[in-house]
Amino acid sequence: MRVNACLYHTIGTSRLSLTALKHCNQFIQNKSFINLVTNRSQKSETIMSSGNGLNASKRDAAFKAVDNHLKNGLKVGIGSGSTIVFAVQRIAQKGLDVICVPTSFQSKQLIRDNGLRLSD
């Protein structure tokens, strides 16, 4: 409950009161909170780095979408979801000449990192 109140106050207002900031800082420095965040982060990395399960399904879906629907000359929106990484890798792997339009800074970096054409 304290996390929700802290985050709600942080996100829901344009400025924080000194009391709210102190409350958030105390909670974030709490060892149980740090352990919770660390454990969840490690679990997410394990799932995303594994070659089976959900990650493999995302890769297969992205590859199939690129293979079945993309061709040279198209403009393609590059979103921010976790599956888009596989789609961009497949586009680069196939050497497709598409124009990529990013929806975020991360998408823009992904496009650049894979040597694809970037547009706005």
C-alpha atoms as a PDB file:
ATOM      1  CA  MET A   1       0.000   0.000   0.000  1.00  0.00           C
ATOM      2  CA  ARG A   2       2.837   2.377   0.766  1.00  0.00           C
ATOM      3  CA  VAL A   3       4.337   1.788  -2.705  1.00  0.00           C
ATOM      4  CA  ASN A   4       1.060   2.584  -4.446  1.00  0.00           C
ATOM      5  CA  ALA A   5       0.541   5.746  -2.415  1.00  0.00           C
ATOM      6  CA  CYS A   6       4.100   6.857  -3.034  1.00  0.00           C
ATOM      7  CA  LEU A   7       3.991   6.188  -6.772  1.00  0.00           C
ATOM      8  CA  TYR A   8       0.521   7.664  -7.170  1.00  0.00           C
ATOM      9  CA  HIS A   9       1.598  10.840  -5.473  1.00  0.00           C
ATOM     10  CA  THR A  10       4.803  10.988  -7.515  1.00  0.00           C
ATOM     11  CA  ILE A  11       3.106  10.383 -10.865  1.00  0.00           C
ATOM     12  CA  GLY A  12      -0.195  12.122 -10.169  1.00  0.00           C
ATOM     13  CA  THR A  13       1.169  15.531  -9.286  1.00  0.00           C
ATOM     14  CA  SER A  14       3.402  17.929 -11.142  1.00  0.00           C
ATOM     15  CA  ARG A  15       5.435  18.615  -8.021  1.00  0.00           C
ATOM     16  CA  LEU A  16       6.090  16.771  -4.813  1.00  0.00           C
ATOM     17  CA  SER A  17       5.757  18.084  -1.322  1.00  0.00           C
ATOM     18  CA  LEU A  18       8.858  17.703   0.808  1.00  0.00           C
ATOM     19  CA  THR A  19       6.987  15.261   3.064  1.00  0.00           C
ATOM     20  CA  ALA A  20       5.959  13.031   0.140  1.00  0.00           C
ATOM     21  CA  LEU A  21       9.486  13.082  -1.270  1.00  0.00           C
ATOM     22  CA  LYS A  22      10.922  12.103   2.127  1.00  0.00           C
ATOM     23  CA  HIS A  23       8.355   9.269   2.419  1.00  0.00           C
ATOM     24  CA  CYS A  24       9.227   7.926  -1.039  1.00  0.00           C
ATOM     25  CA  ASN A  25      12.951   8.157  -0.382  1.00  0.00           C
ATOM     26  CA  GLN A  26      12.642   6.274   2.935  1.00  0.00           C
ATOM     27  CA  PHE A  27      10.589   3.530   1.337  1.00  0.00           C
ATOM     28  CA  ILE A  28      12.898   3.124  -1.662  1.00  0.00           C
ATOM     29  CA  GLN A  29      15.905   2.787   0.654  1.00  0.00           C
ATOM     30  CA  ASN A  30      14.142  -0.004   2.577  1.00  0.00           C
ATOM     31  CA  LYS A  31      16.043  -3.299   2.095  1.00  0.00           C
ATOM     32  CA  SER A  32      12.880  -5.323   1.486  1.00  0.00           C
ATOM     33  CA  PHE A  33      11.899  -2.967  -1.344  1.00  0.00           C
ATOM     34  CA  ILE A  34      15.385  -3.166  -2.886  1.00  0.00           C
ATOM     35  CA  ASN A  35      15.314  -6.988  -2.674  1.00  0.00           C
ATOM     36  CA  LEU A  36      11.839  -7.110  -4.231  1.00  0.00           C
ATOM     37  CA  VAL A  37      12.890  -4.940  -7.184  1.00  0.00           C
ATOM     38  CA  THR A  38      16.155  -6.869  -7.644  1.00  0.00           C
ATOM     39  CA  ASN A  39      14.408 -10.256  -7.587  1.00  0.00           C
ATOM     40  CA  ARG A  40      11.745  -9.172 -10.086  1.00  0.00           C
ATOM     41  CA  SER A  41      14.381  -7.676 -12.361  1.00  0.00           C
ATOM     42  CA  GLN A  42      16.418 -10.888 -12.294  1.00  0.00           C
ATOM     43  CA  LYS A  43      13.315 -12.977 -13.077  1.00  0.00           C
ATOM     44  CA  SER A  44      12.475 -10.734 -16.046  1.00  0.00           C
ATOM     45  CA  GLU A  45      16.016 -11.005 -17.402  1.00  0.00           C
ATOM     46  CA  THR A  46      15.926 -14.787 -17.052  1.00  0.00           C
ATOM     47  CA  ILE A  47      12.631 -15.045 -18.946  1.00  0.00           C
ATOM     48  CA  MET A  48      13.779 -12.718 -21.726  1.00  0.00           C
ATOM     49  CA  SER A  49      17.183 -14.399 -22.119  1.00  0.00           C
ATOM     50  CA  SER A  50      15.882 -17.953 -22.178  1.00  0.00           C
ATOM     51  CA  GLY A  51      15.534 -19.627 -25.562  1.00  0.00           C
ATOM     52  CA  ASN A  52      12.229 -21.305 -24.779  1.00  0.00           C
ATOM     53  CA  GLY A  53       8.772 -20.515 -23.502  1.00  0.00           C
ATOM     54  CA  LEU A  54       7.328 -17.064 -23.833  1.00  0.00           C
ATOM     55  CA  ASN A  55      10.462 -15.570 -25.358  1.00  0.00           C
ATOM     56  CA  ALA A  56      10.576 -18.203 -28.098  1.00  0.00           C
ATOM     57  CA  SER A  57       6.894 -17.640 -28.835  1.00  0.00           C
ATOM     58  CA  LYS A  58       7.457 -13.905 -29.173  1.00  0.00           C
ATOM     59  CA  ARG A  59      10.409 -14.509 -31.497  1.00  0.00           C
ATOM     60  CA  ASP A  60       8.427 -16.946 -33.634  1.00  0.00           C
ATOM     61  CA  ALA A  61       5.453 -14.577 -33.891  1.00  0.00           C
ATOM     62  CA  ALA A  62       7.665 -11.626 -34.826  1.00  0.00           C
ATOM     63  CA  PHE A  63       9.563 -13.622 -37.445  1.00  0.00           C
ATOM     64  CA  LYS A  64       6.339 -14.927 -38.969  1.00  0.00           C
ATOM     65  CA  ALA A  65       4.828 -11.425 -39.109  1.00  0.00           C
ATOM     66  CA  VAL A  66       7.898 -10.025 -40.861  1.00  0.00           C
ATOM     67  CA  ASP A  67       8.115 -12.982 -43.258  1.00  0.00           C
ATOM     68  CA  ASN A  68       4.419 -12.847 -44.194  1.00  0.00           C
ATOM     69  CA  HIS A  69       3.698  -9.125 -44.283  1.00  0.00           C
ATOM     70  CA  LEU A  70       6.780  -7.037 -45.006  1.00  0.00           C
ATOM     71  CA  LYS A  71       8.375  -6.304 -48.339  1.00  0.00           C
ATOM     72  CA  ASN A  72      10.791  -3.709 -49.670  1.00  0.00           C
ATOM     73  CA  GLY A  73       9.520  -0.141 -49.878  1.00  0.00           C
ATOM     74  CA  LEU A  74       7.030  -0.257 -47.008  1.00  0.00           C
ATOM     75  CA  LYS A  75       6.889   2.188 -44.111  1.00  0.00           C
ATOM     76  CA  VAL A  76       6.814   0.308 -40.821  1.00  0.00           C
ATOM     77  CA  GLY A  77       5.939   1.598 -37.366  1.00  0.00           C
ATOM     78  CA  ILE A  78       8.387   0.294 -34.783  1.00  0.00           C
ATOM     79  CA  GLY A  79       6.707   0.150 -31.387  1.00  0.00           C
ATOM     80  CA  SER A  80       8.042  -0.214 -27.882  1.00  0.00           C
ATOM     81  CA  GLY A  81       6.924  -3.704 -26.879  1.00  0.00           C
ATOM     82  CA  SER A  82       9.276  -6.564 -26.090  1.00  0.00           C
ATOM     83  CA  THR A  83       8.360  -8.487 -29.253  1.00  0.00           C
ATOM     84  CA  ILE A  84       9.463  -5.667 -31.565  1.00  0.00           C
ATOM     85  CA  VAL A  85      13.105  -6.446 -30.825  1.00  0.00           C
ATOM     86  CA  PHE A  86      12.721  -9.771 -32.619  1.00  0.00           C
ATOM     87  CA  ALA A  87      10.843  -8.169 -35.525  1.00  0.00           C
ATOM     88  CA  VAL A  88      13.575  -5.575 -36.040  1.00  0.00           C
ATOM     89  CA  GLN A  89      16.242  -8.268 -35.882  1.00  0.00           C
ATOM     90  CA  ARG A  90      14.357 -10.252 -38.531  1.00  0.00           C
ATOM     91  CA  ILE A  91      13.995  -7.202 -40.794  1.00  0.00           C
ATOM     92  CA  ALA A  92      17.745  -6.641 -40.569  1.00  0.00           C
ATOM     93  CA  GLN A  93      18.481 -10.346 -41.010  1.00  0.00           C
ATOM     94  CA  LYS A  94      16.422 -10.492 -44.216  1.00  0.00           C
ATOM     95  CA  GLY A  95      17.972  -7.257 -45.502  1.00  0.00           C
ATOM     96  CA  LEU A  96      14.573  -5.682 -46.192  1.00  0.00           C
ATOM     97  CA  ASP A  97      14.631  -2.101 -47.455  1.00  0.00           C
ATOM     98  CA  VAL A  98      11.841  -0.630 -45.325  1.00  0.00           C
ATOM     99  CA  ILE A  99      11.444   2.795 -43.764  1.00  0.00           C
ATOM    100  CA  CYS A 100      11.148   2.490 -39.983  1.00  0.00           C
ATOM    101  CA  VAL A 101       9.174   5.016 -37.949  1.00  0.00           C
ATOM    102  CA  PRO A 102       9.901   4.789 -34.194  1.00  0.00           C
ATOM    103  CA  THR A 103       7.348   5.411 -31.450  1.00  0.00           C
ATOM    104  CA  SER A 104       9.925   6.038 -28.728  1.00  0.00           C
ATOM    105  CA  PHE A 105      13.561   6.808 -28.053  1.00  0.00           C
ATOM    106  CA  GLN A 106      14.208   3.101 -27.424  1.00  0.00           C
ATOM    107  CA  SER A 107      12.650   2.187 -30.775  1.00  0.00           C
ATOM    108  CA  LYS A 108      14.836   4.767 -32.476  1.00  0.00           C
ATOM    109  CA  GLN A 109      17.950   3.245 -30.906  1.00  0.00           C
ATOM    110  CA  LEU A 110      16.828  -0.261 -31.890  1.00  0.00           C
ATOM    111  CA  ILE A 111      16.410   0.844 -35.510  1.00  0.00           C
ATOM    112  CA  ARG A 112      19.845   2.486 -35.529  1.00  0.00           C
ATOM    113  CA  ASP A 113      21.527  -0.447 -33.788  1.00  0.00           C
ATOM    114  CA  ASN A 114      20.245  -2.788 -36.507  1.00  0.00           C
ATOM    115  CA  GLY A 115      21.282  -0.517 -39.381  1.00  0.00           C
ATOM    116  CA  LEU A 116      17.749   0.096 -40.690  1.00  0.00           C
ATOM    117  CA  ARG A 117      16.395   3.232 -42.394  1.00  0.00           C
ATOM    118  CA  LEU A 118      14.985   5.707 -39.906  1.00  0.00           C
ATOM    119  CA  SER A 119      12.223   8.236 -40.561  1.00  0.00           C
ATOM    120  CA  ASP A 120       9.733  10.296 -38.558  1.00  0.00           C
END
